[in-house]
């Protein structure tokens, strides 16, 4: 790189820059600009993807919580129905005993 700069600049009092040096400098600046702009786009795209994923995970968690509450309610209802069933079975057994004794 130093040789390129030394060959491009004459040290006789007037400074001349060769055309190839100008093109090389433009290419380097353009490459740096492209790298910076593409990294910003990538960061934005990644952030948007992360935000969308977080939103979907939040929805999934809320659905899971709602489902968990529904399951708890169903289990409670089933327990109540079992108690009622046991009471009815006891009543039926007692009625059958009374009927058998009455005959």
PDB file of N, CA and C in Angstrom:
ATOM      1  N   UNK A   1       0.829  -1.186   0.000  1.00  0.00           N
ATOM      2  CA  UNK A   1       0.000   0.000   0.000  1.00  0.00           C
ATOM      3  C   UNK A   1       0.871   1.246   0.000  1.00  0.00           C
ATOM      4  N   UNK A   2       1.965   1.206   0.757  1.00  0.00           N
ATOM      5  CA  UNK A   2       2.861   2.365   0.807  1.00  0.00           C
ATOM      6  C   UNK A   2       3.490   2.604  -0.559  1.00  0.00           C
ATOM      7  N   UNK A   3       3.885   1.525  -1.240  1.00  0.00           N
ATOM      8  CA  UNK A   3       4.470   1.677  -2.573  1.00  0.00           C
ATOM      9  C   UNK A   3       3.470   2.285  -3.532  1.00  0.00           C
ATOM     10  N   UNK A   4       2.196   1.904  -3.401  1.00  0.00           N
ATOM     11  CA  UNK A   4       1.155   2.458  -4.264  1.00  0.00           C
ATOM     12  C   UNK A   4       1.022   3.957  -4.030  1.00  0.00           C
ATOM     13  N   UNK A   5       1.048   4.369  -2.780  1.00  0.00           N
ATOM     14  CA  UNK A   5       0.948   5.795  -2.467  1.00  0.00           C
ATOM     15  C   UNK A   5       2.177   6.548  -2.954  1.00  0.00           C
ATOM     16  N   UNK A   6       3.378   5.966  -2.770  1.00  0.00           N
ATOM     17  CA  UNK A   6       4.604   6.631  -3.207  1.00  0.00           C
ATOM     18  C   UNK A   6       4.636   6.757  -4.716  1.00  0.00           C
ATOM     19  N   UNK A   7       4.133   5.744  -5.419  1.00  0.00           N
ATOM     20  CA  UNK A   7       4.143   5.830  -6.879  1.00  0.00           C
ATOM     21  C   UNK A   7       3.089   6.795  -7.379  1.00  0.00           C
ATOM     22  N   UNK A   8       2.039   6.981  -6.600  1.00  0.00           N
ATOM     23  CA  UNK A   8       0.967   7.861  -7.048  1.00  0.00           C
ATOM     24  C   UNK A   8       1.295   9.326  -6.801  1.00  0.00           C
ATOM     25  N   UNK A   9       2.143   9.599  -5.841  1.00  0.00           N
ATOM     26  CA  UNK A   9       2.438  10.990  -5.495  1.00  0.00           C
ATOM     27  C   UNK A   9       3.887  11.284  -5.881  1.00  0.00           C
ATOM     28  N   UNK A  10       4.063  12.307  -6.677  1.00  0.00           N
ATOM     29  CA  UNK A  10       5.412  12.721  -7.030  1.00  0.00           C
ATOM     30  C   UNK A  10       5.856  13.777  -6.031  1.00  0.00           C
ATOM     31  N   UNK A  11       7.089  13.675  -5.582  1.00  0.00           N
ATOM     32  CA  UNK A  11       7.579  14.579  -4.548  1.00  0.00           C
ATOM     33  C   UNK A  11       8.416  15.707  -5.185  1.00  0.00           C
ATOM     34  N   UNK A  12       7.995  16.291  -6.245  1.00  0.00           N
ATOM     35  CA  UNK A  12       8.724  17.361  -6.913  1.00  0.00           C
ATOM     36  C   UNK A  12       8.125  18.721  -6.631  1.00  0.00           C
ATOM     37  N   UNK A  13       7.218  18.813  -5.758  1.00  0.00           N
ATOM     38  CA  UNK A  13       6.615  20.120  -5.500  1.00  0.00           C
ATOM     39  C   UNK A  13       5.170  20.152  -5.940  1.00  0.00           C
ATOM     40  N   UNK A  14       4.835  19.522  -7.015  1.00  0.00           N
ATOM     41  CA  UNK A  14       3.430  19.429  -7.400  1.00  0.00           C
ATOM     42  C   UNK A  14       2.973  17.978  -7.165  1.00  0.00           C
ATOM     43  N   UNK A  15       1.795  17.834  -6.680  1.00  0.00           N
ATOM     44  CA  UNK A  15       1.295  16.517  -6.324  1.00  0.00           C
ATOM     45  C   UNK A  15       0.337  16.035  -7.402  1.00  0.00           C
ATOM     46  N   UNK A  16       0.603  14.832  -7.891  1.00  0.00           N
ATOM     47  CA  UNK A  16      -0.278  14.232  -8.879  1.00  0.00           C
ATOM     48  C   UNK A  16      -0.747  12.886  -8.347  1.00  0.00           C
ATOM     49  N   UNK A  17      -1.995  12.629  -8.505  1.00  0.00           N
ATOM     50  CA  UNK A  17      -2.554  11.359  -8.068  1.00  0.00           C
ATOM     51  C   UNK A  17      -2.945  10.586  -9.312  1.00  0.00           C
ATOM     52  N   UNK A  18      -2.484   9.343  -9.375  1.00  0.00           N
ATOM     53  CA  UNK A  18      -2.790   8.547 -10.563  1.00  0.00           C
ATOM     54  C   UNK A  18      -4.243   8.114 -10.549  1.00  0.00           C
ATOM     55  N   UNK A  19      -4.743   7.816 -11.726  1.00  0.00           N
ATOM     56  CA  UNK A  19      -6.125   7.405 -11.900  1.00  0.00           C
ATOM     57  C   UNK A  19      -6.391   6.073 -11.213  1.00  0.00           C
ATOM     58  N   UNK A  20      -5.440   5.153 -11.232  1.00  0.00           N
ATOM     59  CA  UNK A  20      -5.628   3.850 -10.594  1.00  0.00           C
ATOM     60  C   UNK A  20      -5.734   4.005  -9.074  1.00  0.00           C
ATOM     61  N   UNK A  21      -4.989   4.952  -8.508  1.00  0.00           N
ATOM     62  CA  UNK A  21      -5.070   5.193  -7.073  1.00  0.00           C
ATOM     63  C   UNK A  21      -6.452   5.735  -6.694  1.00  0.00           C
ATOM     64  N   UNK A  22      -6.988   6.629  -7.515  1.00  0.00           N
ATOM     65  CA  UNK A  22      -8.322   7.179  -7.255  1.00  0.00           C
ATOM     66  C   UNK A  22      -9.365   6.067  -7.311  1.00  0.00           C
ATOM     67  N   UNK A  23      -9.279   5.212  -8.326  1.00  0.00           N
ATOM     68  CA  UNK A  23     -10.226   4.100  -8.432  1.00  0.00           C
ATOM     69  C   UNK A  23     -10.082   3.132  -7.251  1.00  0.00           C
ATOM     70  N   UNK A  24      -8.848   2.876  -6.844  1.00  0.00           N
ATOM     71  CA  UNK A  24      -8.631   1.984  -5.703  1.00  0.00           C
ATOM     72  C   UNK A  24      -9.211   2.593  -4.430  1.00  0.00           C
ATOM     73  N   UNK A  25      -9.023   3.880  -4.245  1.00  0.00           N
ATOM     74  CA  UNK A  25      -9.562   4.559  -3.072  1.00  0.00           C
ATOM     75  C   UNK A  25     -11.089   4.540  -3.078  1.00  0.00           C
ATOM     76  N   UNK A  26     -11.674   4.789  -4.224  1.00  0.00           N
ATOM     77  CA  UNK A  26     -13.143   4.736  -4.341  1.00  0.00           C
ATOM     78  C   UNK A  26     -13.646   3.323  -4.045  1.00  0.00           C
ATOM     79  N   UNK A  27     -12.950   2.324  -4.544  1.00  0.00           N
ATOM     80  CA  UNK A  27     -13.351   0.940  -4.300  1.00  0.00           C
ATOM     81  C   UNK A  27     -13.291   0.592  -2.805  1.00  0.00           C
ATOM     82  N   UNK A  28     -12.230   1.044  -2.135  1.00  0.00           N
ATOM     83  CA  UNK A  28     -12.095   0.768  -0.690  1.00  0.00           C
ATOM     84  C   UNK A  28     -13.210   1.458   0.087  1.00  0.00           C
ATOM     85  N   UNK A  29     -13.460   2.718  -0.234  1.00  0.00           N
ATOM     86  CA  UNK A  29     -14.522   3.455   0.453  1.00  0.00           C
ATOM     87  C   UNK A  29     -15.882   2.802   0.176  1.00  0.00           C
ATOM     88  N   UNK A  30     -16.113   2.408  -1.062  1.00  0.00           N
ATOM     89  CA  UNK A  30     -17.382   1.740  -1.407  1.00  0.00           C
ATOM     90  C   UNK A  30     -17.545   0.419  -0.674  1.00  0.00           C
ATOM     91  N   UNK A  31     -16.458  -0.333  -0.563  1.00  0.00           N
ATOM     92  CA  UNK A  31     -16.515  -1.610   0.145  1.00  0.00           C
ATOM     93  C   UNK A  31     -16.833  -1.399   1.619  1.00  0.00           C
ATOM     94  N   UNK A  32     -16.178  -0.429   2.211  1.00  0.00           N
ATOM     95  CA  UNK A  32     -16.440  -0.125   3.632  1.00  0.00           C
ATOM     96  C   UNK A  32     -17.894   0.301   3.819  1.00  0.00           C
ATOM     97  N   UNK A  33     -18.388   1.138   2.932  1.00  0.00           N
ATOM     98  CA  UNK A  33     -19.781   1.587   3.018  1.00  0.00           C
ATOM     99  C   UNK A  33     -20.746   0.411   2.891  1.00  0.00           C
ATOM    100  N   UNK A  34     -20.485  -0.483   1.939  1.00  0.00           N
ATOM    101  CA  UNK A  34     -21.356  -1.653   1.754  1.00  0.00           C
ATOM    102  C   UNK A  34     -21.348  -2.558   2.982  1.00  0.00           C
ATOM    103  N   UNK A  35     -20.187  -2.747   3.565  1.00  0.00           N
ATOM    104  CA  UNK A  35     -20.091  -3.603   4.757  1.00  0.00           C
ATOM    105  C   UNK A  35     -20.896  -2.992   5.896  1.00  0.00           C
ATOM    106  N   UNK A  36     -20.746  -1.691   6.104  1.00  0.00           N
ATOM    107  CA  UNK A  36     -21.456  -1.027   7.202  1.00  0.00           C
ATOM    108  C   UNK A  36     -22.961  -1.048   6.962  1.00  0.00           C
ATOM    109  N   UNK A  37     -23.381  -0.731   5.742  1.00  0.00           N
ATOM    110  CA  UNK A  37     -24.823  -0.692   5.470  1.00  0.00           C
ATOM    111  C   UNK A  37     -25.435  -2.081   5.519  1.00  0.00           C
ATOM    112  N   UNK A  38     -24.724  -3.096   5.047  1.00  0.00           N
ATOM    113  CA  UNK A  38     -25.278  -4.448   5.094  1.00  0.00           C
ATOM    114  C   UNK A  38     -25.340  -4.961   6.522  1.00  0.00           C
ATOM    115  N   UNK A  39     -24.393  -4.591   7.364  1.00  0.00           N
ATOM    116  CA  UNK A  39     -24.450  -5.033   8.752  1.00  0.00           C
ATOM    117  C   UNK A  39     -25.617  -4.370   9.472  1.00  0.00           C
ATOM    118  N   UNK A  40     -25.919  -3.121   9.145  1.00  0.00           N
ATOM    119  CA  UNK A  40     -27.065  -2.448   9.741  1.00  0.00           C
ATOM    120  C   UNK A  40     -28.357  -3.131   9.292  1.00  0.00           C
ATOM    121  N   UNK A  41     -28.452  -3.477   8.007  1.00  0.00           N
ATOM    122  CA  UNK A  41     -29.641  -4.160   7.509  1.00  0.00           C
ATOM    123  C   UNK A  41     -29.789  -5.517   8.185  1.00  0.00           C
ATOM    124  N   UNK A  42     -28.673  -6.212   8.312  1.00  0.00           N
ATOM    125  CA  UNK A  42     -28.713  -7.524   8.949  1.00  0.00           C
ATOM    126  C   UNK A  42     -29.153  -7.386  10.398  1.00  0.00           C
ATOM    127  N   UNK A  43     -28.627  -6.395  11.090  1.00  0.00           N
ATOM    128  CA  UNK A  43     -29.018  -6.176  12.476  1.00  0.00           C
ATOM    129  C   UNK A  43     -30.504  -5.844  12.579  1.00  0.00           C
ATOM    130  N   UNK A  44     -30.986  -5.014  11.688  1.00  0.00           N
ATOM    131  CA  UNK A  44     -32.411  -4.670  11.704  1.00  0.00           C
ATOM    132  C   UNK A  44     -33.257  -5.903  11.416  1.00  0.00           C
ATOM    133  N   UNK A  45     -32.864  -6.662  10.403  1.00  0.00           N
ATOM    134  CA  UNK A  45     -33.618  -7.865  10.055  1.00  0.00           C
ATOM    135  C   UNK A  45     -33.584  -8.870  11.199  1.00  0.00           C
ATOM    136  N   UNK A  46     -32.432  -9.015  11.825  1.00  0.00           N
ATOM    137  CA  UNK A  46     -32.333  -9.933  12.958  1.00  0.00           C
ATOM    138  C   UNK A  46     -33.199  -9.464  14.110  1.00  0.00           C
ATOM    139  N   UNK A  47     -33.194  -8.171  14.374  1.00  0.00           N
ATOM    140  CA  UNK A  47     -34.006  -7.634  15.463  1.00  0.00           C
ATOM    141  C   UNK A  47     -35.496  -7.828  15.177  1.00  0.00           C
ATOM    142  N   UNK A  48     -35.898  -7.591  13.924  1.00  0.00           N
ATOM    143  CA  UNK A  48     -37.294  -7.802  13.567  1.00  0.00           C
ATOM    144  C   UNK A  48     -37.674  -9.266  13.743  1.00  0.00           C
ATOM    145  N   UNK A  49     -36.782 -10.159  13.345  1.00  0.00           N
ATOM    146  CA  UNK A  49     -37.036 -11.584  13.518  1.00  0.00           C
ATOM    147  C   UNK A  49     -37.134 -11.968  14.980  1.00  0.00           C
ATOM    148  N   UNK A  50     -36.255 -11.396  15.794  1.00  0.00           N
ATOM    149  CA  UNK A  50     -36.282 -11.685  17.233  1.00  0.00           C
ATOM    150  C   UNK A  50     -37.571 -11.156  17.854  1.00  0.00           C
ATOM    151  N   UNK A  51     -37.982  -9.967  17.444  1.00  0.00           N
ATOM    152  CA  UNK A  51     -39.216  -9.388  17.985  1.00  0.00           C
ATOM    153  C   UNK A  51     -40.413 -10.251  17.602  1.00  0.00           C
ATOM    154  N   UNK A  52     -40.466 -10.698  16.340  1.00  0.00           N
ATOM    155  CA  UNK A  52     -41.568 -11.565  15.910  1.00  0.00           C
ATOM    156  C   UNK A  52     -41.564 -12.877  16.680  1.00  0.00           C
ATOM    157  N   UNK A  53     -40.388 -13.442  16.886  1.00  0.00           N
ATOM    158  CA  UNK A  53     -40.289 -14.696  17.627  1.00  0.00           C
ATOM    159  C   UNK A  53     -40.735 -14.497  19.073  1.00  0.00           C
ATOM    160  N   UNK A  54     -40.349 -13.384  19.687  1.00  0.00           N
ATOM    161  CA  UNK A  54     -40.767 -13.099  21.065  1.00  0.00           C
ATOM    162  C   UNK A  54     -42.282 -12.926  21.166  1.00  0.00           C
ATOM    163  N   UNK A  55     -42.872 -12.266  20.165  1.00  0.00           N
ATOM    164  CA  UNK A  55     -44.319 -12.095  20.170  1.00  0.00           C
ATOM    165  C   UNK A  55     -45.021 -13.445  20.063  1.00  0.00           C
ATOM    166  N   UNK A  56     -44.516 -14.310  19.196  1.00  0.00           N
ATOM    167  CA  UNK A  56     -45.115 -15.633  19.048  1.00  0.00           C
ATOM    168  C   UNK A  56     -44.946 -16.450  20.319  1.00  0.00           C
ATOM    169  N   UNK A  57     -43.785 -16.332  20.965  1.00  0.00           N
ATOM    170  CA  UNK A  57     -43.567 -17.047  22.222  1.00  0.00           C
ATOM    171  C   UNK A  57     -44.494 -16.532  23.318  1.00  0.00           C
ATOM    172  N   UNK A  58     -44.716 -15.221  23.351  1.00  0.00           N
ATOM    173  CA  UNK A  58     -45.651 -14.662  24.333  1.00  0.00           C
ATOM    174  C   UNK A  58     -47.068 -15.191  24.108  1.00  0.00           C
ATOM    175  N   UNK A  59     -47.477 -15.258  22.843  1.00  0.00           N
ATOM    176  CA  UNK A  59     -48.797 -15.800  22.531  1.00  0.00           C
ATOM    177  C   UNK A  59     -48.888 -17.265  22.940  1.00  0.00           C
ATOM    178  N   UNK A  60     -47.838 -18.003  22.673  1.00  0.00           N
ATOM    179  CA  UNK A  60     -47.814 -19.411  23.036  1.00  0.00           C
ATOM    180  C   UNK A  60     -47.899 -19.585  24.547  1.00  0.00           C
ATOM    181  N   UNK A  61     -47.164 -18.760  25.280  1.00  0.00           N
ATOM    182  CA  UNK A  61     -47.204 -18.836  26.752  1.00  0.00           C
ATOM    183  C   UNK A  61     -48.593 -18.508  27.277  1.00  0.00           C
ATOM    184  N   UNK A  62     -49.217 -17.482  26.720  1.00  0.00           N
ATOM    185  CA  UNK A  62     -50.566 -17.132  27.187  1.00  0.00           C
ATOM    186  C   UNK A  62     -51.552 -18.243  26.857  1.00  0.00           C
ATOM    187  N   UNK A  63     -51.398 -18.874  25.693  1.00  0.00           N
ATOM    188  CA  UNK A  63     -52.263 -20.005  25.346  1.00  0.00           C
ATOM    189  C   UNK A  63     -52.033 -21.177  26.288  1.00  0.00           C
ATOM    190  N   UNK A  64     -50.776 -21.436  26.625  1.00  0.00           N
ATOM    191  CA  UNK A  64     -50.465 -22.524  27.549  1.00  0.00           C
ATOM    192  C   UNK A  64     -51.026 -22.249  28.934  1.00  0.00           C
ATOM    193  N   UNK A  65     -50.936 -21.005  29.374  1.00  0.00           N
ATOM    194  CA  UNK A  65     -51.490 -20.647  30.683  1.00  0.00           C
ATOM    195  C   UNK A  65     -53.007 -20.819  30.696  1.00  0.00           C
ATOM    196  N   UNK A  66     -53.653 -20.387  29.628  1.00  0.00           N
ATOM    197  CA  UNK A  66     -55.102 -20.539  29.544  1.00  0.00           C
ATOM    198  C   UNK A  66     -55.485 -22.018  29.526  1.00  0.00           C
ATOM    199  N   UNK A  67     -54.738 -22.812  28.788  1.00  0.00           N
ATOM    200  CA  UNK A  67     -55.000 -24.246  28.730  1.00  0.00           C
ATOM    201  C   UNK A  67     -54.785 -24.889  30.093  1.00  0.00           C
ATOM    202  N   UNK A  68     -53.749 -24.472  30.783  1.00  0.00           N
ATOM    203  CA  UNK A  68     -53.476 -25.001  32.119  1.00  0.00           C
ATOM    204  C   UNK A  68     -54.624 -24.681  33.073  1.00  0.00           C
ATOM    205  N   UNK A  69     -55.151 -23.454  33.004  1.00  0.00           N
ATOM    206  CA  UNK A  69     -56.292 -23.084  33.848  1.00  0.00           C
ATOM    207  C   UNK A  69     -57.523 -23.913  33.492  1.00  0.00           C
ATOM    208  N   UNK A  70     -57.753 -24.123  32.209  1.00  0.00           N
ATOM    209  CA  UNK A  70     -58.884 -24.956  31.777  1.00  0.00           C
ATOM    210  C   UNK A  70     -58.753 -26.374  32.311  1.00  0.00           C
ATOM    211  N   UNK A  71     -57.558 -26.919  32.251  1.00  0.00           N
ATOM    212  CA  UNK A  71     -57.335 -28.284  32.746  1.00  0.00           C
ATOM    213  C   UNK A  71     -57.600 -28.351  34.245  1.00  0.00           C
ATOM    214  N   UNK A  72     -57.158 -27.345  34.981  1.00  0.00           N
ATOM    215  CA  UNK A  72     -57.420 -27.322  36.433  1.00  0.00           C
ATOM    216  C   UNK A  72     -58.915 -27.279  36.715  1.00  0.00           C
ATOM    217  N   UNK A  73     -59.647 -26.463  35.951  1.00  0.00           N
ATOM    218  CA  UNK A  73     -61.095 -26.381  36.133  1.00  0.00           C
ATOM    219  C   UNK A  73     -61.756 -27.715  35.818  1.00  0.00           C
ATOM    220  N   UNK A  74     -61.308 -28.353  34.759  1.00  0.00           N
ATOM    221  CA  UNK A  74     -61.875 -29.649  34.375  1.00  0.00           C
ATOM    222  C   UNK A  74     -61.594 -30.693  35.447  1.00  0.00           C
ATOM    223  N   UNK A  75     -60.375 -30.692  35.978  1.00  0.00           N
ATOM    224  CA  UNK A  75     -60.035 -31.642  37.050  1.00  0.00           C
ATOM    225  C   UNK A  75     -60.913 -31.404  38.271  1.00  0.00           C
ATOM    226  N   UNK A  76     -61.166 -30.139  38.611  1.00  0.00           N
ATOM    227  CA  UNK A  76     -62.052 -29.820  39.732  1.00  0.00           C
ATOM    228  C   UNK A  76     -63.458 -30.317  39.487  1.00  0.00           C
ATOM    229  N   UNK A  77     -63.953 -30.109  38.270  1.00  0.00           N
ATOM    230  CA  UNK A  77     -65.295 -30.572  37.919  1.00  0.00           C
ATOM    231  C   UNK A  77     -65.384 -32.092  37.993  1.00  0.00           C
ATOM    232  N   UNK A  78     -64.360 -32.767  37.512  1.00  0.00           N
ATOM    233  CA  UNK A  78     -64.340 -34.237  37.562  1.00  0.00           C
ATOM    234  C   UNK A  78     -64.343 -34.713  39.010  1.00  0.00           C
ATOM    235  N   UNK A  79     -63.587 -34.067  39.874  1.00  0.00           N
ATOM    236  CA  UNK A  79     -63.555 -34.452  41.292  1.00  0.00           C
ATOM    237  C   UNK A  79     -64.935 -34.267  41.920  1.00  0.00           C
ATOM    238  N   UNK A  80     -65.602 -33.140  41.607  1.00  0.00           N
ATOM    239  CA  UNK A  80     -66.959 -32.914  42.129  1.00  0.00           C
ATOM    240  C   UNK A  80     -67.921 -33.976  41.629  1.00  0.00           C
ATOM    241  N   UNK A  81     -67.816 -34.325  40.360  1.00  0.00           N
ATOM    242  CA  UNK A  81     -68.716 -35.344  39.791  1.00  0.00           C
ATOM    243  C   UNK A  81     -68.456 -36.710  40.426  1.00  0.00           C
ATOM    244  N   UNK A  82     -67.213 -37.022  40.744  1.00  0.00           N
ATOM    245  CA  UNK A  82     -66.911 -38.292  41.409  1.00  0.00           C
ATOM    246  C   UNK A  82     -67.536 -38.339  42.798  1.00  0.00           C
ATOM    247  N   UNK A  83     -67.456 -37.217  43.522  1.00  0.00           N
ATOM    248  CA  UNK A  83     -68.070 -37.160  44.847  1.00  0.00           C
ATOM    249  C   UNK A  83     -69.579 -37.386  44.751  1.00  0.00           C
ATOM    250  N   UNK A  84     -70.194 -36.717  43.780  1.00  0.00           N
ATOM    251  CA  UNK A  84     -71.645 -36.886  43.586  1.00  0.00           C
ATOM    252  C   UNK A  84     -71.964 -38.335  43.231  1.00  0.00           C
ATOM    253  N   UNK A  85     -71.141 -38.928  42.366  1.00  0.00           N
ATOM    254  CA  UNK A  85     -71.361 -40.315  41.964  1.00  0.00           C
ATOM    255  C   UNK A  85     -71.251 -41.259  43.160  1.00  0.00           C
ATOM    256  N   UNK A  86     -70.260 -41.040  44.001  1.00  0.00           N
ATOM    257  CA  UNK A  86     -70.090 -41.884  45.188  1.00  0.00           C
ATOM    258  C   UNK A  86     -71.308 -41.745  46.109  1.00  0.00           C
ATOM    259  N   UNK A  87     -71.791 -40.519  46.298  1.00  0.00           N
ATOM    260  CA  UNK A  87     -72.972 -40.298  47.136  1.00  0.00           C
ATOM    261  C   UNK A  87     -74.184 -41.017  46.557  1.00  0.00           C
ATOM    262  N   UNK A  88     -74.356 -40.941  45.243  1.00  0.00           N
ATOM    263  CA  UNK A  88     -75.490 -41.628  44.610  1.00  0.00           C
ATOM    264  C   UNK A  88     -75.366 -43.143  44.732  1.00  0.00           C
ATOM    265  N   UNK A  89     -74.162 -43.649  44.588  1.00  0.00           N
ATOM    266  CA  UNK A  89     -73.962 -45.094  44.730  1.00  0.00           C
ATOM    267  C   UNK A  89     -74.293 -45.550  46.150  1.00  0.00           C
ATOM    268  N   UNK A  90     -73.912 -44.736  47.132  1.00  0.00           N
ATOM    269  CA  UNK A  90     -74.224 -45.074  48.523  1.00  0.00           C
ATOM    270  C   UNK A  90     -75.737 -45.056  48.732  1.00  0.00           C
ATOM    271  N   UNK A  91     -76.420 -44.048  48.181  1.00  0.00           N
ATOM    272  CA  UNK A  91     -77.877 -43.961  48.311  1.00  0.00           C
ATOM    273  C   UNK A  91     -78.553 -45.160  47.644  1.00  0.00           C
ATOM    274  N   UNK A  92     -78.078 -45.497  46.458  1.00  0.00           N
ATOM    275  CA  UNK A  92     -78.663 -46.641  45.743  1.00  0.00           C
ATOM    276  C   UNK A  92     -78.449 -47.924  46.543  1.00  0.00           C
ATOM    277  N   UNK A  93     -77.264 -48.099  47.084  1.00  0.00           N
ATOM    278  CA  UNK A  93     -76.965 -49.287  47.887  1.00  0.00           C
ATOM    279  C   UNK A  93     -77.885 -49.333  49.109  1.00  0.00           C
ATOM    280  N   UNK A  94     -78.065 -48.193  49.786  1.00  0.00           N
ATOM    281  CA  UNK A  94     -78.953 -48.140  50.949  1.00  0.00           C
ATOM    282  C   UNK A  94     -80.399 -48.430  50.565  1.00  0.00           C
ATOM    283  N   UNK A  95     -80.849 -47.871  49.439  1.00  0.00           N
ATOM    284  CA  UNK A  95     -82.221 -48.133  48.980  1.00  0.00           C
ATOM    285  C   UNK A  95     -82.413 -49.606  48.634  1.00  0.00           C
ATOM    286  N   UNK A  96     -81.408 -50.206  48.000  1.00  0.00           N
ATOM    287  CA  UNK A  96     -81.498 -51.619  47.681  1.00  0.00           C
ATOM    288  C   UNK A  96     -81.553 -52.479  48.928  1.00  0.00           C
ATOM    289  N   UNK A  97     -80.789 -52.106  49.957  1.00  0.00           N
ATOM    290  CA  UNK A  97     -80.816 -52.827  51.238  1.00  0.00           C
ATOM    291  C   UNK A  97     -82.182 -52.709  51.904  1.00  0.00           C
ATOM    292  N   UNK A  98     -82.721 -51.453  51.901  1.00  0.00           N
ATOM    293  CA  UNK A  98     -84.029 -51.247  52.499  1.00  0.00           C
ATOM    294  C   UNK A  98     -85.097 -52.029  51.770  1.00  0.00           C
ATOM    295  N   UNK A  99     -85.020 -52.064  50.459  1.00  0.00           N
ATOM    296  CA  UNK A  99     -86.003 -52.806  49.662  1.00  0.00           C
ATOM    297  C   UNK A  99     -85.886 -54.287  49.943  1.00  0.00           C
ATOM    298  N   UNK A 100     -84.631 -54.809  50.050  1.00  0.00           N
ATOM    299  CA  UNK A 100     -84.432 -56.234  50.314  1.00  0.00           C
ATOM    300  C   UNK A 100     -84.928 -56.594  51.694  1.00  0.00           C
ATOM    301  N   UNK A 101     -84.763 -55.714  52.675  1.00  0.00           N
ATOM    302  CA  UNK A 101     -85.236 -55.963  54.027  1.00  0.00           C
ATOM    303  C   UNK A 101     -86.752 -55.880  54.118  1.00  0.00           C
ATOM    304  N   UNK A 102     -87.336 -55.028  53.294  1.00  0.00           N
ATOM    305  CA  UNK A 102     -88.785 -54.855  53.310  1.00  0.00           C
ATOM    306  C   UNK A 102     -89.513 -56.010  52.631  1.00  0.00           C
ATOM    307  N   UNK A 103     -88.869 -56.728  51.791  1.00  0.00           N
ATOM    308  CA  UNK A 103     -89.517 -57.851  51.080  1.00  0.00           C
ATOM    309  C   UNK A 103     -89.605 -59.018  51.913  1.00  0.00           C
TER     310      UNK A 103
END
